[in-house]
Amino acid sequence: MASGSVDRTLAALADPHRRAAVDLLRAQPLAAGDLARRLGLTPPAMSRHLRALREGGLVEESHPAFDARVRVYALKPGPMDELKAWLQQAEGLWSEQLLAFRSEIERTRES
């Protein structure tokens, strides 16, 4: 079963605009306005998506020294690492289930 942090990560990634923002942030930190322009979103819509990503623990915000009004977003690796670990566990479970299923089919064919 997924932990609370994995649940939050999956919820944050459920929206295609948020996944697109994560893809852009993989290359470099970006200001909220730059993200909105690149994704074709209004500033209020981008703000809602960034809030969901922050609450999901996927991004962190900072303010450049030259302008405290500008918010720059960067990815945080921890939640994605937890998600990858959970997915690896799930993959292992499915692999075991499929191998057992295959063995059962082969056993019944031989009977």
Protein backbone atom coordinates (compact mmCIF):
# COMPACT_ATOMS: atom_id res chain seq x y z
CA MET A 1 0.00 0.00 0.00
CA ALA A 2 1.24 3.49 -0.84
CA SER A 3 2.42 5.70 1.98
CA GLY A 4 0.95 9.14 2.59
CA SER A 5 3.83 10.86 0.81
CA VAL A 6 3.45 8.63 -2.26
CA ASP A 7 -0.29 9.34 -2.24
CA ARG A 8 0.42 13.09 -2.20
CA THR A 9 2.95 12.73 -5.01
CA LEU A 10 0.54 10.76 -7.17
CA ALA A 11 -2.25 13.26 -6.50
CA ALA A 12 0.04 16.14 -7.49
CA LEU A 13 1.04 14.36 -10.70
CA ALA A 14 -2.54 13.46 -11.64
CA ASP A 15 -2.99 16.62 -13.71
CA PRO A 16 -1.32 16.86 -17.16
CA HIS A 17 -0.39 20.54 -16.65
CA ARG A 18 1.44 19.66 -13.44
CA ARG A 19 3.29 16.81 -15.16
CA ALA A 20 4.27 19.22 -17.93
CA ALA A 21 5.55 21.69 -15.31
CA VAL A 22 7.62 18.92 -13.72
CA ASP A 23 9.05 18.07 -17.15
CA LEU A 24 10.08 21.71 -17.65
CA LEU A 25 11.58 21.94 -14.16
CA ARG A 26 13.72 18.85 -14.76
CA ALA A 27 15.92 20.96 -17.01
CA GLN A 28 16.24 23.98 -14.71
CA PRO A 29 14.46 26.04 -12.06
CA LEU A 30 11.97 28.49 -13.57
CA ALA A 31 9.98 31.48 -12.45
CA ALA A 32 6.23 30.99 -12.11
CA GLY A 33 5.58 33.44 -14.95
CA ASP A 34 7.94 31.57 -17.27
CA LEU A 35 6.20 28.29 -16.46
CA ALA A 36 2.79 29.85 -17.13
CA ARG A 37 3.92 31.21 -20.51
CA ARG A 38 5.52 27.96 -21.61
CA LEU A 39 2.45 25.96 -20.61
CA GLY A 40 -0.03 28.46 -22.02
CA LEU A 41 -1.72 28.99 -18.65
CA THR A 42 -2.96 32.11 -16.94
CA PRO A 43 -0.99 33.18 -13.85
CA PRO A 44 -3.85 32.23 -11.48
CA ALA A 45 -4.13 28.76 -13.06
CA MET A 46 -0.35 28.28 -12.84
CA SER A 47 -0.45 29.39 -9.22
CA ARG A 48 -3.03 26.69 -8.40
CA HIS A 49 -0.92 24.02 -10.11
CA LEU A 50 2.24 25.15 -8.35
CA ARG A 51 0.44 25.09 -5.00
CA ALA A 52 -0.59 21.48 -5.67
CA LEU A 53 3.01 20.59 -6.59
CA ARG A 54 4.29 22.28 -3.40
CA GLU A 55 1.70 20.48 -1.27
CA GLY A 56 2.72 17.23 -2.95
CA GLY A 57 6.31 17.96 -1.94
CA LEU A 58 7.53 17.95 -5.54
CA VAL A 59 8.75 21.53 -5.82
CA GLU A 60 10.23 24.21 -3.63
CA GLU A 61 10.07 27.93 -4.18
CA SER A 62 12.67 30.59 -3.67
CA HIS A 63 12.92 34.31 -4.31
CA PRO A 64 15.87 35.87 -6.13
CA ALA A 65 17.66 38.57 -4.18
CA PHE A 66 16.91 41.19 -6.83
CA ASP A 67 13.09 40.85 -6.62
CA ALA A 68 11.19 39.26 -3.75
CA ARG A 69 7.98 39.30 -5.83
CA VAL A 70 9.39 36.72 -8.27
CA ARG A 71 8.95 33.09 -7.28
CA VAL A 72 11.37 30.58 -8.74
CA TYR A 73 10.47 26.89 -8.60
CA ALA A 74 12.80 23.91 -8.54
CA LEU A 75 12.18 20.18 -8.21
CA LYS A 76 12.75 18.37 -4.94
CA PRO A 77 14.10 14.84 -5.55
CA GLY A 78 12.78 13.12 -2.40
CA PRO A 79 9.15 12.52 -3.40
CA MET A 80 10.11 11.12 -6.81
CA ASP A 81 12.65 8.79 -5.16
CA GLU A 82 9.91 7.52 -2.83
CA LEU A 83 7.56 7.06 -5.79
CA LYS A 84 10.22 5.13 -7.74
CA ALA A 85 10.82 2.85 -4.74
CA TRP A 86 7.08 2.19 -4.39
CA LEU A 87 6.80 1.45 -8.12
CA GLN A 88 9.72 -0.99 -7.92
CA GLN A 89 7.96 -2.84 -5.09
CA ALA A 90 4.73 -2.95 -7.10
CA GLU A 91 6.62 -4.19 -10.15
CA GLY A 92 8.19 -6.95 -8.07
CA LEU A 93 4.79 -8.04 -6.82
CA TRP A 94 3.36 -8.12 -10.34
CA SER A 95 6.37 -10.04 -11.64
CA GLU A 96 5.90 -12.66 -8.91
CA GLN A 97 2.17 -12.88 -9.66
CA LEU A 98 2.76 -13.30 -13.40
CA LEU A 99 5.43 -15.95 -12.88
CA ALA A 100 3.10 -17.88 -10.58
CA PHE A 101 0.30 -17.56 -13.15
CA ARG A 102 2.60 -18.80 -15.92
CA SER A 103 3.71 -21.75 -13.80
CA GLU A 104 0.09 -22.66 -13.07
CA ILE A 105 -0.83 -22.54 -16.77
CA GLU A 106 2.13 -24.71 -17.70
CA ARG A 107 1.27 -27.16 -14.91
CA THR A 108 -2.35 -27.48 -16.07
CA ARG A 109 -1.25 -27.99 -19.69
CA GLU A 110 0.94 -30.89 -18.63
CA SER A 111 -1.91 -32.56 -16.73
